[in-house]
PDB file of N, CA and C in Angstrom:
ATOM      1  N   MET A   1    -134.334-141.627 141.133  1.00  0.00           N
ATOM      2  CA  MET A   1    -134.731-140.249 141.136  1.00  0.00           C
ATOM      3  C   MET A   1    -133.472-139.388 141.171  1.00  0.00           C
ATOM      4  N   THR A   2    -133.451-138.351 140.345  1.00  0.00           N
ATOM      5  CA  THR A   2    -132.275-137.491 140.301  1.00  0.00           C
ATOM      6  C   THR A   2    -132.587-136.167 140.977  1.00  0.00           C
ATOM      7  N   ALA A   3    -131.582-135.610 141.599  1.00  0.00           N
ATOM      8  CA  ALA A   3    -131.752-134.328 142.290  1.00  0.00           C
ATOM      9  C   ALA A   3    -131.516-133.192 141.297  1.00  0.00           C
ATOM     10  N   ALA A   4    -132.316-132.176 141.421  1.00  0.00           N
ATOM     11  CA  ALA A   4    -132.167-131.017 140.543  1.00  0.00           C
ATOM     12  C   ALA A   4    -130.999-130.170 141.031  1.00  0.00           C
ATOM     13  N   THR A   5    -130.131-129.836 140.113  1.00  0.00           N
ATOM     14  CA  THR A   5    -128.993-128.999 140.481  1.00  0.00           C
ATOM     15  C   THR A   5    -129.321-127.558 140.132  1.00  0.00           C
ATOM     16  N   PRO A   6    -129.002-126.657 141.019  1.00  0.00           N
ATOM     17  CA  PRO A   6    -129.303-125.246 140.730  1.00  0.00           C
ATOM     18  C   PRO A   6    -128.393-124.713 139.627  1.00  0.00           C
ATOM     19  N   ARG A   7    -128.975-123.943 138.760  1.00  0.00           N
ATOM     20  CA  ARG A   7    -128.222-123.327 137.668  1.00  0.00           C
ATOM     21  C   ARG A   7    -128.072-121.841 137.950  1.00  0.00           C
ATOM     22  N   PRO A   8    -126.995-121.259 137.475  1.00  0.00           N
ATOM     23  CA  PRO A   8    -126.881-119.810 137.612  1.00  0.00           C
ATOM     24  C   PRO A   8    -128.004-119.119 136.854  1.00  0.00           C
ATOM     25  N   SER A   9    -128.385-117.950 137.333  1.00  0.00           N
ATOM     26  CA  SER A   9    -129.498-117.243 136.691  1.00  0.00           C
ATOM     27  C   SER A   9    -129.147-116.905 135.256  1.00  0.00           C
ATOM     28  N   GLY A  10    -130.109-117.045 134.388  1.00  0.00           N
ATOM     29  CA  GLY A  10    -129.924-116.726 132.982  1.00  0.00           C
ATOM     30  C   GLY A  10    -129.373-117.874 132.159  1.00  0.00           C
ATOM     31  N   VAL A  11    -129.045-119.001 132.767  1.00  0.00           N
ATOM     32  CA  VAL A  11    -128.490-120.128 132.022  1.00  0.00           C
ATOM     33  C   VAL A  11    -129.573-121.190 131.891  1.00  0.00           C
ATOM     34  N   THR A  12    -129.837-121.596 130.670  1.00  0.00           N
ATOM     35  CA  THR A  12    -130.810-122.648 130.426  1.00  0.00           C
ATOM     36  C   THR A  12    -130.113-123.781 129.713  1.00  0.00           C
ATOM     37  N   SER A  13    -130.804-124.884 129.637  1.00  0.00           N
ATOM     38  CA  SER A  13    -130.177-126.052 129.029  1.00  0.00           C
ATOM     39  C   SER A  13    -130.064-125.933 127.509  1.00  0.00           C
ATOM     40  N   ASP A  14    -130.818-125.047 126.883  1.00  0.00           N
ATOM     41  CA  ASP A  14    -130.773-124.953 125.423  1.00  0.00           C
ATOM     42  C   ASP A  14    -129.811-123.875 124.926  1.00  0.00           C
ATOM     43  N   LYS A  15    -128.952-123.411 125.764  1.00  0.00           N
ATOM     44  CA  LYS A  15    -127.909-122.438 125.410  1.00  0.00           C
ATOM     45  C   LYS A  15    -128.476-121.114 124.899  1.00  0.00           C
ATOM     46  N   SER A  16    -129.663-120.747 125.342  1.00  0.00           N
ATOM     47  CA  SER A  16    -130.243-119.485 124.878  1.00  0.00           C
ATOM     48  C   SER A  16    -129.597-118.285 125.560  1.00  0.00           C
ATOM     49  N   SER A  17    -128.854-118.500 126.641  1.00  0.00           N
ATOM     50  CA  SER A  17    -128.213-117.374 127.308  1.00  0.00           C
ATOM     51  C   SER A  17    -127.120-116.777 126.438  1.00  0.00           C
ATOM     52  N   SER A  18    -126.433-117.617 125.655  1.00  0.00           N
ATOM     53  CA  SER A  18    -125.408-117.071 124.765  1.00  0.00           C
ATOM     54  C   SER A  18    -126.043-116.273 123.642  1.00  0.00           C
ATOM     55  N   ALA A  19    -127.225-116.660 123.195  1.00  0.00           N
ATOM     56  CA  ALA A  19    -127.929-115.902 122.165  1.00  0.00           C
ATOM     57  C   ALA A  19    -128.364-114.552 122.719  1.00  0.00           C
ATOM     58  N   ARG A  20    -128.808-114.525 123.974  1.00  0.00           N
ATOM     59  CA  ARG A  20    -129.184-113.258 124.595  1.00  0.00           C
ATOM     60  C   ARG A  20    -127.980-112.363 124.789  1.00  0.00           C
ATOM     61  N   ALA A  21    -126.863-112.931 125.140  1.00  0.00           N
ATOM     62  CA  ALA A  21    -125.654-112.139 125.336  1.00  0.00           C
ATOM     63  C   ALA A  21    -125.199-111.524 124.012  1.00  0.00           C
ATOM     64  N   ARG A  22    -125.355-112.258 122.931  1.00  0.00           N
ATOM     65  CA  ARG A  22    -124.989-111.697 121.626  1.00  0.00           C
ATOM     66  C   ARG A  22    -125.925-110.572 121.226  1.00  0.00           C
ATOM     67  N   ARG A  23    -127.201-110.697 121.567  1.00  0.00           N
ATOM     68  CA  ARG A  23    -128.152-109.643 121.239  1.00  0.00           C
ATOM     69  C   ARG A  23    -127.873-108.379 122.034  1.00  0.00           C
ATOM     70  N   ARG A  24    -127.445-108.515 123.272  1.00  0.00           N
ATOM     71  CA  ARG A  24    -127.200-107.369 124.133  1.00  0.00           C
ATOM     72  C   ARG A  24    -125.833-106.750 123.920  1.00  0.00           C
ATOM     73  N   ALA A  25    -124.977-107.409 123.199  1.00  0.00           N
ATOM     74  CA  ALA A  25    -123.624-106.895 123.005  1.00  0.00           C
ATOM     75  C   ALA A  25    -123.685-105.557 122.281  1.00  0.00           C
ATOM     76  N   PRO A  26    -122.949-104.569 122.780  1.00  0.00           N
ATOM     77  CA  PRO A  26    -122.996-103.259 122.132  1.00  0.00           C
ATOM     78  C   PRO A  26    -122.367-103.310 120.753  1.00  0.00           C
ATOM     79  N   ARG A  27    -122.908-102.517 119.895  1.00  0.00           N
ATOM     80  CA  ARG A  27    -122.370-102.435 118.551  1.00  0.00           C
ATOM     81  C   ARG A  27    -121.070-101.658 118.581  1.00  0.00           C
ATOM     82  N   GLY A  28    -120.267-101.879 117.597  1.00  0.00           N
ATOM     83  CA  GLY A  28    -119.024-101.144 117.478  1.00  0.00           C
ATOM     84  C   GLY A  28    -119.243 -99.843 116.728  1.00  0.00           C
ATOM     85  N   GLY A  29    -120.310 -99.121 117.063  1.00  0.00           N
ATOM     86  CA  GLY A  29    -120.677 -97.924 116.343  1.00  0.00           C
ATOM     87  C   GLY A  29    -119.773 -96.747 116.655  1.00  0.00           C
ATOM     88  N   SER A  30    -120.033 -95.676 115.967  1.00  0.00           N
ATOM     89  CA  SER A  30    -119.246 -94.469 116.109  1.00  0.00           C
ATOM     90  C   SER A  30    -119.609 -93.731 117.397  1.00  0.00           C
ATOM     91  N   ARG A  31    -118.650 -93.049 117.937  1.00  0.00           N
ATOM     92  CA  ARG A  31    -118.889 -92.228 119.121  1.00  0.00           C
ATOM     93  C   ARG A  31    -119.163 -90.779 118.754  1.00  0.00           C
ATOM     94  N   LEU A  32    -119.117 -90.460 117.476  1.00  0.00           N
ATOM     95  CA  LEU A  32    -119.299 -89.083 117.039  1.00  0.00           C
ATOM     96  C   LEU A  32    -120.651 -88.484 117.444  1.00  0.00           C
ATOM     97  N   PRO A  33    -121.772 -89.215 117.355  1.00  0.00           N
ATOM     98  CA  PRO A  33    -123.034 -88.610 117.807  1.00  0.00           C
ATOM     99  C   PRO A  33    -123.015 -88.227 119.279  1.00  0.00           C
ATOM    100  N   SER A  34    -122.426 -89.064 120.116  1.00  0.00           N
ATOM    101  CA  SER A  34    -122.350 -88.749 121.540  1.00  0.00           C
ATOM    102  C   SER A  34    -121.409 -87.585 121.798  1.00  0.00           C
ATOM    103  N   VAL A  35    -120.299 -87.545 121.065  1.00  0.00           N
ATOM    104  CA  VAL A  35    -119.357 -86.429 121.196  1.00  0.00           C
ATOM    105  C   VAL A  35    -120.027 -85.133 120.758  1.00  0.00           C
ATOM    106  N   SER A  36    -120.821 -85.209 119.711  1.00  0.00           N
ATOM    107  CA  SER A  36    -121.524 -84.036 119.223  1.00  0.00           C
ATOM    108  C   SER A  36    -122.502 -83.499 120.259  1.00  0.00           C
ATOM    109  N   ILE A  37    -123.235 -84.383 120.918  1.00  0.00           N
ATOM    110  CA  ILE A  37    -124.163 -83.952 121.969  1.00  0.00           C
ATOM    111  C   ILE A  37    -123.398 -83.325 123.129  1.00  0.00           C
ATOM    112  N   ALA A  38    -122.307 -83.952 123.528  1.00  0.00           N
ATOM    113  CA  ALA A  38    -121.525 -83.433 124.654  1.00  0.00           C
ATOM    114  C   ALA A  38    -120.951 -82.053 124.338  1.00  0.00           C
ATOM    115  N   LEU A  39    -120.405 -81.887 123.135  1.00  0.00           N
ATOM    116  CA  LEU A  39    -119.855 -80.584 122.753  1.00  0.00           C
ATOM    117  C   LEU A  39    -120.960 -79.525 122.658  1.00  0.00           C
ATOM    118  N   GLY A  40    -122.122 -79.921 122.155  1.00  0.00           N
ATOM    119  CA  GLY A  40    -123.240 -78.979 122.088  1.00  0.00           C
ATOM    120  C   GLY A  40    -123.715 -78.554 123.461  1.00  0.00           C
ATOM    121  N   ALA A  41    -123.788 -79.500 124.383  1.00  0.00           N
ATOM    122  CA  ALA A  41    -124.198 -79.160 125.747  1.00  0.00           C
ATOM    123  C   ALA A  41    -123.159 -78.256 126.414  1.00  0.00           C
ATOM    124  N   LEU A  42    -121.894 -78.546 126.187  1.00  0.00           N
ATOM    125  CA  LEU A  42    -120.841 -77.693 126.750  1.00  0.00           C
ATOM    126  C   LEU A  42    -120.861 -76.300 126.124  1.00  0.00           C
ATOM    127  N   SER A  43    -121.199 -76.217 124.848  1.00  0.00           N
ATOM    128  CA  SER A  43    -121.256 -74.897 124.218  1.00  0.00           C
ATOM    129  C   SER A  43    -122.391 -74.056 124.786  1.00  0.00           C
ATOM    130  N   ILE A  44    -123.504 -74.700 125.102  1.00  0.00           N
ATOM    131  CA  ILE A  44    -124.611 -73.961 125.718  1.00  0.00           C
ATOM    132  C   ILE A  44    -124.244 -73.550 127.134  1.00  0.00           C
ATOM    133  N   ALA A  45    -123.589 -74.451 127.861  1.00  0.00           N
ATOM    134  CA  ALA A  45    -123.235 -74.153 129.252  1.00  0.00           C
ATOM    135  C   ALA A  45    -122.128 -73.110 129.365  1.00  0.00           C
ATOM    136  N   SER A  46    -121.281 -73.012 128.363  1.00  0.00           N
ATOM    137  CA  SER A  46    -120.156 -72.073 128.457  1.00  0.00           C
ATOM    138  C   SER A  46    -120.350 -70.857 127.566  1.00  0.00           C
ATOM    139  N   PHE A  47    -121.582 -70.436 127.384  1.00  0.00           N
ATOM    140  CA  PHE A  47    -121.847 -69.280 126.528  1.00  0.00           C
ATOM    141  C   PHE A  47    -121.243 -68.003 127.097  1.00  0.00           C
ATOM    142  N   TRP A  48    -121.089 -67.927 128.397  1.00  0.00           N
ATOM    143  CA  TRP A  48    -120.606 -66.702 129.032  1.00  0.00           C
ATOM    144  C   TRP A  48    -119.094 -66.515 128.884  1.00  0.00           C
ATOM    145  N   VAL A  49    -118.365 -67.560 128.510  1.00  0.00           N
ATOM    146  CA  VAL A  49    -116.935 -67.433 128.245  1.00  0.00           C
ATOM    147  C   VAL A  49    -116.789 -66.972 126.799  1.00  0.00           C
ATOM    148  N   VAL A  50    -116.205 -65.807 126.608  1.00  0.00           N
ATOM    149  CA  VAL A  50    -116.144 -65.199 125.283  1.00  0.00           C
ATOM    150  C   VAL A  50    -115.391 -66.106 124.315  1.00  0.00           C
ATOM    151  N   GLY A  51    -116.071 -66.554 123.300  1.00  0.00           N
ATOM    152  CA  GLY A  51    -115.465 -67.356 122.249  1.00  0.00           C
ATOM    153  C   GLY A  51    -115.530 -68.856 122.465  1.00  0.00           C
ATOM    154  N   LEU A  52    -115.510 -69.325 123.709  1.00  0.00           N
ATOM    155  CA  LEU A  52    -115.479 -70.762 123.959  1.00  0.00           C
ATOM    156  C   LEU A  52    -116.785 -71.434 123.537  1.00  0.00           C
ATOM    157  N   GLY A  53    -117.915 -70.833 123.862  1.00  0.00           N
ATOM    158  CA  GLY A  53    -119.196 -71.399 123.465  1.00  0.00           C
ATOM    159  C   GLY A  53    -119.347 -71.477 121.964  1.00  0.00           C
ATOM    160  N   PHE A  54    -118.817 -70.459 121.271  1.00  0.00           N
ATOM    161  CA  PHE A  54    -118.874 -70.453 119.812  1.00  0.00           C
ATOM    162  C   PHE A  54    -118.026 -71.576 119.222  1.00  0.00           C
ATOM    163  N   VAL A  55    -116.808 -71.735 119.727  1.00  0.00           N
ATOM    164  CA  VAL A  55    -115.908 -72.779 119.218  1.00  0.00           C
ATOM    165  C   VAL A  55    -116.469 -74.169 119.496  1.00  0.00           C
ATOM    166  N   LEU A  56    -117.000 -74.369 120.694  1.00  0.00           N
ATOM    167  CA  LEU A  56    -117.589 -75.670 121.021  1.00  0.00           C
ATOM    168  C   LEU A  56    -118.837 -75.944 120.183  1.00  0.00           C
ATOM    169  N   GLY A  57    -119.613 -74.912 119.902  1.00  0.00           N
ATOM    170  CA  GLY A  57    -120.796 -75.074 119.063  1.00  0.00           C
ATOM    171  C   GLY A  57    -120.442 -75.459 117.635  1.00  0.00           C
ATOM    172  N   VAL A  58    -119.406 -74.824 117.093  1.00  0.00           N
ATOM    173  CA  VAL A  58    -118.965 -75.173 115.742  1.00  0.00           C
ATOM    174  C   VAL A  58    -118.427 -76.603 115.726  1.00  0.00           C
ATOM    175  N   SER A  59    -117.710 -76.980 116.772  1.00  0.00           N
ATOM    176  CA  SER A  59    -117.193 -78.354 116.858  1.00  0.00           C
ATOM    177  C   SER A  59    -118.330 -79.371 116.957  1.00  0.00           C
ATOM    178  N   ALA A  60    -119.363 -79.034 117.715  1.00  0.00           N
ATOM    179  CA  ALA A  60    -120.520 -79.928 117.832  1.00  0.00           C
ATOM    180  C   ALA A  60    -121.222 -80.089 116.495  1.00  0.00           C
ATOM    181  N   MET A  61    -121.346 -78.983 115.764  1.00  0.00           N
ATOM    182  CA  MET A  61    -121.984 -79.074 114.447  1.00  0.00           C
ATOM    183  C   MET A  61    -121.144 -79.907 113.488  1.00  0.00           C
ATOM    184  N   ALA A  62    -119.833 -79.748 113.538  1.00  0.00           N
ATOM    185  CA  ALA A  62    -118.960 -80.516 112.646  1.00  0.00           C
ATOM    186  C   ALA A  62    -119.021 -82.006 112.969  1.00  0.00           C
ATOM    187  N   CYS A  63    -118.976 -82.351 114.248  1.00  0.00           N
ATOM    188  CA  CYS A  63    -119.059 -83.774 114.627  1.00  0.00           C
ATOM    189  C   CYS A  63    -120.409 -84.365 114.261  1.00  0.00           C
ATOM    190  N   GLY A  64    -121.484 -83.617 114.477  1.00  0.00           N
ATOM    191  CA  GLY A  64    -122.812 -84.103 114.123  1.00  0.00           C
ATOM    192  C   GLY A  64    -122.986 -84.280 112.631  1.00  0.00           C
ATOM    193  N   ALA A  65    -122.472 -83.326 111.857  1.00  0.00           N
ATOM    194  CA  ALA A  65    -122.567 -83.446 110.396  1.00  0.00           C
ATOM    195  C   ALA A  65    -121.739 -84.615 109.886  1.00  0.00           C
ATOM    196  N   LEU A  66    -120.568 -84.803 110.457  1.00  0.00           N
ATOM    197  CA  LEU A  66    -119.721 -85.927 110.061  1.00  0.00           C
ATOM    198  C   LEU A  66    -120.377 -87.258 110.427  1.00  0.00           C
ATOM    199  N   ALA A  67    -121.016 -87.300 111.588  1.00  0.00           N
ATOM    200  CA  ALA A  67    -121.674 -88.537 112.020  1.00  0.00           C
ATOM    201  C   ALA A  67    -122.873 -88.872 111.141  1.00  0.00           C
ATOM    202  N   THR A  68    -123.626 -87.877 110.701  1.00  0.00           N
ATOM    203  CA  THR A  68    -124.782 -88.162 109.847  1.00  0.00           C
ATOM    204  C   THR A  68    -124.362 -88.532 108.436  1.00  0.00           C
ATOM    205  N   SER A  69    -123.197 -88.056 107.997  1.00  0.00           N
ATOM    206  CA  SER A  69    -122.765 -88.360 106.640  1.00  0.00           C
ATOM    207  C   SER A  69    -122.152 -89.749 106.518  1.00  0.00           C
ATOM    208  N   ARG A  70    -121.761 -90.339 107.618  1.00  0.00           N
ATOM    209  CA  ARG A  70    -121.184 -91.686 107.563  1.00  0.00           C
ATOM    210  C   ARG A  70    -122.264 -92.697 107.240  1.00  0.00           C
ATOM    211  N   SER A  71    -121.887 -93.725 106.523  1.00  0.00           N
ATOM    212  CA  SER A  71    -122.870 -94.719 106.073  1.00  0.00           C
ATOM    213  C   SER A  71    -123.396 -95.567 107.235  1.00  0.00           C
ATOM    214  N   GLY A  72    -122.637 -95.736 108.294  1.00  0.00           N
ATOM    215  CA  GLY A  72    -123.080 -96.542 109.428  1.00  0.00           C
ATOM    216  C   GLY A  72    -124.230 -95.899 110.178  1.00  0.00           C
ATOM    217  N   ALA A  73    -124.260 -94.573 110.209  1.00  0.00           N
ATOM    218  CA  ALA A  73    -125.331 -93.883 110.919  1.00  0.00           C
ATOM    219  C   ALA A  73    -126.637 -93.917 110.140  1.00  0.00           C
ATOM    220  N   ALA A  74    -126.563 -94.125 108.841  1.00  0.00           N
ATOM    221  CA  ALA A  74    -127.782 -94.146 108.038  1.00  0.00           C
ATOM    222  C   ALA A  74    -128.671 -95.327 108.409  1.00  0.00           C
ATOM    223  N   GLY A  75    -128.066 -96.461 108.744  1.00  0.00           N
ATOM    224  CA  GLY A  75    -128.848 -97.624 109.123  1.00  0.00           C
ATOM    225  C   GLY A  75    -129.195 -97.665 110.597  1.00  0.00           C
ATOM    226  N   ASP A  76    -128.552 -96.824 111.396  1.00  0.00           N
ATOM    227  CA  ASP A  76    -128.767 -96.802 112.840  1.00  0.00           C
ATOM    228  C   ASP A  76    -129.531 -95.534 113.206  1.00  0.00           C
ATOM    229  N   GLU A  77    -130.842 -95.668 113.342  1.00  0.00           N
ATOM    230  CA  GLU A  77    -131.679 -94.497 113.576  1.00  0.00           C
ATOM    231  C   GLU A  77    -131.359 -93.770 114.874  1.00  0.00           C
ATOM    232  N   PRO A  78    -131.149 -94.469 116.005  1.00  0.00           N
ATOM    233  CA  PRO A  78    -130.811 -93.731 117.228  1.00  0.00           C
ATOM    234  C   PRO A  78    -129.517 -92.925 117.097  1.00  0.00           C
ATOM    235  N   ALA A  79    -128.533 -93.462 116.392  1.00  0.00           N
ATOM    236  CA  ALA A  79    -127.278 -92.724 116.212  1.00  0.00           C
ATOM    237  C   ALA A  79    -127.497 -91.486 115.356  1.00  0.00           C
ATOM    238  N   SER A  80    -128.313 -91.590 114.317  1.00  0.00           N
ATOM    239  CA  SER A  80    -128.545 -90.422 113.477  1.00  0.00           C
ATOM    240  C   SER A  80    -129.364 -89.370 114.226  1.00  0.00           C
ATOM    241  N   LEU A  81    -130.270 -89.794 115.093  1.00  0.00           N
ATOM    242  CA  LEU A  81    -131.023 -88.827 115.898  1.00  0.00           C
ATOM    243  C   LEU A  81    -130.118 -88.136 116.914  1.00  0.00           C
ATOM    244  N   ARG A  82    -129.178 -88.899 117.496  1.00  0.00           N
ATOM    245  CA  ARG A  82    -128.223 -88.283 118.428  1.00  0.00           C
ATOM    246  C   ARG A  82    -127.340 -87.282 117.697  1.00  0.00           C
ATOM    247  N   ALA A  83    -126.936 -87.615 116.485  1.00  0.00           N
ATOM    248  CA  ALA A  83    -126.119 -86.698 115.702  1.00  0.00           C
ATOM    249  C   ALA A  83    -126.898 -85.429 115.372  1.00  0.00           C
ATOM    250  N   LEU A  84    -128.172 -85.577 115.021  1.00  0.00           N
ATOM    251  CA  LEU A  84    -129.007 -84.416 114.746  1.00  0.00           C
ATOM    252  C   LEU A  84    -129.196 -83.568 116.007  1.00  0.00           C
ATOM    253  N   LEU A  85    -129.367 -84.211 117.144  1.00  0.00           N
ATOM    254  CA  LEU A  85    -129.484 -83.491 118.407  1.00  0.00           C
ATOM    255  C   LEU A  85    -128.198 -82.733 118.713  1.00  0.00           C
ATOM    256  N   GLY A  86    -127.062 -83.315 118.391  1.00  0.00           N
ATOM    257  CA  GLY A  86    -125.790 -82.628 118.579  1.00  0.00           C
ATOM    258  C   GLY A  86    -125.667 -81.402 117.699  1.00  0.00           C
ATOM    259  N   VAL A  87    -126.131 -81.505 116.448  1.00  0.00           N
ATOM    260  CA  VAL A  87    -126.108 -80.350 115.547  1.00  0.00           C
ATOM    261  C   VAL A  87    -127.011 -79.249 116.081  1.00  0.00           C
ATOM    262  N   VAL A  88    -128.208 -79.612 116.539  1.00  0.00           N
ATOM    263  CA  VAL A  88    -129.146 -78.622 117.078  1.00  0.00           C
ATOM    264  C   VAL A  88    -128.567 -77.973 118.336  1.00  0.00           C
ATOM    265  N   ALA A  89    -127.937 -78.763 119.198  1.00  0.00           N
ATOM    266  CA  ALA A  89    -127.323 -78.203 120.408  1.00  0.00           C
ATOM    267  C   ALA A  89    -126.163 -77.286 120.043  1.00  0.00           C
ATOM    268  N   GLY A  90    -125.417 -77.631 119.010  1.00  0.00           N
ATOM    269  CA  GLY A  90    -124.332 -76.763 118.552  1.00  0.00           C
ATOM    270  C   GLY A  90    -124.850 -75.438 118.031  1.00  0.00           C
ATOM    271  N   VAL A  91    -125.924 -75.481 117.252  1.00  0.00           N
ATOM    272  CA  VAL A  91    -126.533 -74.250 116.743  1.00  0.00           C
ATOM    273  C   VAL A  91    -127.062 -73.405 117.899  1.00  0.00           C
ATOM    274  N   ALA A  92    -127.668 -74.053 118.889  1.00  0.00           N
ATOM    275  CA  ALA A  92    -128.167 -73.323 120.058  1.00  0.00           C
ATOM    276  C   ALA A  92    -127.006 -72.695 120.829  1.00  0.00           C
ATOM    277  N   GLY A  93    -125.904 -73.410 120.966  1.00  0.00           N
ATOM    278  CA  GLY A  93    -124.744 -72.863 121.656  1.00  0.00           C
ATOM    279  C   GLY A  93    -124.159 -71.670 120.921  1.00  0.00           C
ATOM    280  N   ILE A  94    -124.096 -71.748 119.595  1.00  0.00           N
ATOM    281  CA  ILE A  94    -123.595 -70.616 118.807  1.00  0.00           C
ATOM    282  C   ILE A  94    -124.521 -69.415 118.954  1.00  0.00           C
ATOM    283  N   THR A  95    -125.818 -69.654 118.906  1.00  0.00           N
ATOM    284  CA  THR A  95    -126.795 -68.572 119.026  1.00  0.00           C
ATOM    285  C   THR A  95    -126.718 -67.900 120.385  1.00  0.00           C
ATOM    286  N   VAL A  96    -126.692 -68.692 121.440  1.00  0.00           N
ATOM    287  CA  VAL A  96    -126.633 -68.128 122.790  1.00  0.00           C
ATOM    288  C   VAL A  96    -125.313 -67.389 123.001  1.00  0.00           C
ATOM    289  N   SER A  97    -124.225 -67.931 122.474  1.00  0.00           N
ATOM    290  CA  SER A  97    -122.931 -67.262 122.599  1.00  0.00           C
ATOM    291  C   SER A  97    -122.916 -65.934 121.849  1.00  0.00           C
ATOM    292  N   ALA A  98    -123.531 -65.911 120.672  1.00  0.00           N
ATOM    293  CA  ALA A  98    -123.589 -64.663 119.903  1.00  0.00           C
ATOM    294  C   ALA A  98    -124.429 -63.616 120.618  1.00  0.00           C
ATOM    295  N   ILE A  99    -125.537 -64.038 121.202  1.00  0.00           N
ATOM    296  CA  ILE A  99    -126.394 -63.106 121.941  1.00  0.00           C
ATOM    297  C   ILE A  99    -125.658 -62.560 123.162  1.00  0.00           C
ATOM    298  N   ALA A 100    -124.901 -63.418 123.845  1.00  0.00           N
ATOM    299  CA  ALA A 100    -124.158 -62.973 125.014  1.00  0.00           C
ATOM    300  C   ALA A 100    -122.955 -62.119 124.632  1.00  0.00           C
ATOM    301  N   LEU A 101    -122.470 -62.237 123.402  1.00  0.00           N
ATOM    302  CA  LEU A 101    -121.292 -61.498 122.966  1.00  0.00           C
ATOM    303  C   LEU A 101    -121.631 -60.049 122.587  1.00  0.00           C
ATOM    304  N   PHE A 102    -122.841 -59.773 122.133  1.00  0.00           N
ATOM    305  CA  PHE A 102    -123.197 -58.432 121.690  1.00  0.00           C
ATOM    306  C   PHE A 102    -122.991 -57.356 122.748  1.00  0.00           C
ATOM    307  N   PRO A 103    -123.405 -57.535 123.987  1.00  0.00           N
ATOM    308  CA  PRO A 103    -123.161 -56.481 124.990  1.00  0.00           C
ATOM    309  C   PRO A 103    -121.664 -56.285 125.300  1.00  0.00           C
ATOM    310  N   VAL A 104    -120.856 -57.307 125.084  1.00  0.00           N
ATOM    311  CA  VAL A 104    -119.435 -57.234 125.411  1.00  0.00           C
ATOM    312  C   VAL A 104    -118.644 -56.572 124.291  1.00  0.00           C
ATOM    313  N   LEU A 105    -119.192 -56.539 123.080  1.00  0.00           N
ATOM    314  CA  LEU A 105    -118.468 -56.012 121.927  1.00  0.00           C
ATOM    315  C   LEU A 105    -118.021 -54.563 122.098  1.00  0.00           C
ATOM    316  N   GLU A 106    -118.791 -53.746 122.789  1.00  0.00           N
ATOM    317  CA  GLU A 106    -118.397 -52.348 122.950  1.00  0.00           C
ATOM    318  C   GLU A 106    -117.182 -52.179 123.856  1.00  0.00           C
ATOM    319  N   TYR A 107    -116.891 -53.195 124.675  1.00  0.00           N
ATOM    320  CA  TYR A 107    -115.723 -53.114 125.563  1.00  0.00           C
ATOM    321  C   TYR A 107    -114.488 -53.778 124.970  1.00  0.00           C
ATOM    322  N   LEU A 108    -114.613 -54.446 123.852  1.00  0.00           N
ATOM    323  CA  LEU A 108    -113.468 -55.101 123.240  1.00  0.00           C
ATOM    324  C   LEU A 108    -112.666 -54.167 122.371  1.00  0.00           C
TER     325      LEU A 108
END
């Protein structure tokens, strides 16, 4: 009779743990969609700083447009949705910054 030896969790005798690790490995995808979302969020948050929200919004739109135009994002639906969200956040940041800029224009 043989004694059962404990195995570390996730390790099986048929080497399926290495297959799972390969499936979970992150892709070497672009960071542009995430950068676009971050810049868009910062543009919305910094609308009260004259000009900064506008510049960050334009940067978010540029990063999002560049990310959607790349061929790698076309096959990766979550990345293209993140890029689109970044473009929308950039447009929102530009809009909010423009609305906040109108009352200040008479003092400039």
